C-alpha atoms as a PDB file:
ATOM      1  CA  MET A   1      -1.795  -9.468   5.658  1.00  0.00           C
ATOM      2  CA  LEU A   2      -1.193  -5.667   3.798  1.00  0.00           C
ATOM      3  CA  GLU A   3       1.620  -3.609   5.185  1.00  0.00           C
ATOM      4  CA  ILE A   4       2.066   0.354   3.396  1.00  0.00           C
ATOM      5  CA  SER A   5       4.541   2.312   4.761  1.00  0.00           C
ATOM      6  CA  ALA A   6       6.201   5.892   3.713  1.00  0.00           C
ATOM      7  CA  LYS A   7       8.865   8.404   4.983  1.00  0.00           C
ATOM      8  CA  ILE A   8       8.820  11.669   3.971  1.00  0.00           C
ATOM      9  CA  GLY A   9      11.568  14.006   4.407  1.00  0.00           C
ATOM     10  CA  LYS A  10      12.630  17.521   3.520  1.00  0.00           C
ATOM     11  CA  LYS A  11      15.146  19.857   4.273  1.00  0.00           C
ATOM     12  CA  LYS A  12      15.332  23.670   3.639  1.00  0.00           C
ATOM     13  CA  GLU A  13      18.489  25.743   3.862  1.00  0.00           C
ATOM     14  CA  THR A  14      18.892  29.576   3.214  1.00  0.00           C
ATOM     15  CA  GLU A  15      22.361  31.434   3.291  1.00  0.00           C
ATOM     16  CA  GLU A  16      21.896  35.269   3.796  1.00  0.00           C
ATOM     17  CA  GLU A  17      23.961  36.884   6.554  1.00  0.00           C
ATOM     18  CA  TYR A  18      23.306  33.596   8.445  1.00  0.00           C
ATOM     19  CA  THR A  19      22.637  30.055   7.883  1.00  0.00           C
ATOM     20  CA  ARG A  20      19.011  28.479   8.697  1.00  0.00           C
ATOM     21  CA  LYS A  21      18.259  25.277   7.937  1.00  0.00           C
ATOM     22  CA  GLU A  22      14.937  23.634   8.653  1.00  0.00           C
ATOM     23  CA  ARG A  23      13.956  19.825   8.556  1.00  0.00           C
ATOM     24  CA  GLU A  24      10.358  18.379   8.414  1.00  0.00           C
ATOM     25  CA  TYR A  25      10.011  14.579   8.568  1.00  0.00           C
ATOM     26  CA  THR A  26       6.756  12.437   8.633  1.00  0.00           C
ATOM     27  CA  HIS A  27       6.137   8.675   8.717  1.00  0.00           C
ATOM     28  CA  PHE A  28       3.139   7.164   7.664  1.00  0.00           C
ATOM     29  CA  TYR A  29       2.149   3.798   8.393  1.00  0.00           C
ATOM     30  CA  ARG A  30      -0.900   1.378   7.845  1.00  0.00           C
ATOM     31  CA  ALA A  31      -1.738  -2.552   7.973  1.00  0.00           C
ATOM     32  CA  PHE A  32      -4.459  -4.418   7.045  1.00  0.00           C
ATOM     33  CA  ARG A  33      -6.174  -7.994   6.835  1.00  0.00           C
ATOM     34  CA  LEU A  34      -6.915  -9.376   3.831  1.00  0.00           C
ATOM     35  CA  PRO A  35      -9.325 -12.161   3.198  1.00  0.00           C
ATOM     36  CA  THR A  36      -7.541 -15.610   2.471  1.00  0.00           C
ATOM     37  CA  SER A  37      -9.173 -15.797  -1.110  1.00  0.00           C
ATOM     38  CA  ILE A  38      -6.743 -13.286  -2.411  1.00  0.00           C
ATOM     39  CA  LYS A  39      -3.917 -14.065  -5.166  1.00  0.00           C
ATOM     40  CA  GLU A  40      -0.705 -12.842  -3.577  1.00  0.00           C
ATOM     41  CA  GLU A  41       0.921 -14.154  -6.663  1.00  0.00           C
ATOM     42  CA  GLU A  42      -1.186 -12.160  -9.002  1.00  0.00           C
ATOM     43  CA  SER A  43      -1.583  -9.031  -6.827  1.00  0.00           C
ATOM     44  CA  THR A  44       0.225  -5.520  -8.281  1.00  0.00           C
ATOM     45  CA  ALA A  45       0.611  -2.183  -7.242  1.00  0.00           C
ATOM     46  CA  LYS A  46       1.766   0.996  -8.230  1.00  0.00           C
ATOM     47  CA  ILE A  47       2.081   4.707  -7.077  1.00  0.00           C
ATOM     48  CA  GLU A  48       1.361   7.439  -9.941  1.00  0.00           C
ATOM     49  CA  ASN A  49       0.901  11.238  -8.994  1.00  0.00           C
ATOM     50  CA  GLY A  50       1.392  10.460  -5.319  1.00  0.00           C
ATOM     51  CA  VAL A  51      -1.807   7.949  -5.841  1.00  0.00           C
ATOM     52  CA  LEU A  52      -1.290   4.160  -4.877  1.00  0.00           C
ATOM     53  CA  THR A  53      -3.227   1.854  -6.741  1.00  0.00           C
ATOM     54  CA  MET A  54      -3.374  -1.895  -5.587  1.00  0.00           C
ATOM     55  CA  THR A  55      -4.926  -4.677  -7.807  1.00  0.00           C
ATOM     56  CA  LEU A  56      -5.807  -7.547  -5.849  1.00  0.00           C
ATOM     57  CA  PRO A  57      -7.462 -10.347  -7.473  1.00  0.00           C
ATOM     58  CA  LYS A  58      -9.678 -12.935  -5.797  1.00  0.00           C
ATOM     59  CA  MET A  59      -9.523 -16.736  -6.217  1.00  0.00           C
ATOM     60  CA  LYS A  60     -12.545 -18.277  -7.946  1.00  0.00           C
ATOM     61  CA  LEU A  61     -14.228 -20.650  -5.302  1.00  0.00           C
ATOM     62  CA  GLU A  62     -15.414 -24.016  -6.421  1.00  0.00           C
ATOM     63  CA  GLU A  63     -18.787 -25.424  -6.561  1.00  0.00           C
ATOM     64  CA  PRO A  64     -19.840 -28.321  -5.482  1.00  0.00           C
ATOM     65  CA  ALA A  65     -19.143 -31.084  -8.060  1.00  0.00           C
ATOM     66  CA  THR A  66     -22.564 -32.648  -7.904  1.00  0.00           C
ATOM     67  CA  LYS A  67     -25.855 -31.613  -6.376  1.00  0.00           C
ATOM     68  CA  ILE A  68     -28.265 -34.037  -5.070  1.00  0.00           C
ATOM     69  CA  GLN A  69     -31.888 -33.349  -4.883  1.00  0.00           C
ATOM     70  CA  ILE A  70     -33.333 -35.223  -1.746  1.00  0.00           C
END
């Protein structure tokens, strides 16, 4: 299971003749089921300019050792 979550919070304060405060909070959550053929140890993730890039390499499935024709 792959879970991705993020919290974003902004505060804005202005002081003139009075104090005004604004708060904006956002929460993001997603969950994905991954195939069992993913190499978890070799998986990587990076975030750049607000873009999440993930690399999830697959395991190579073994072929049968011998083939018998009938």
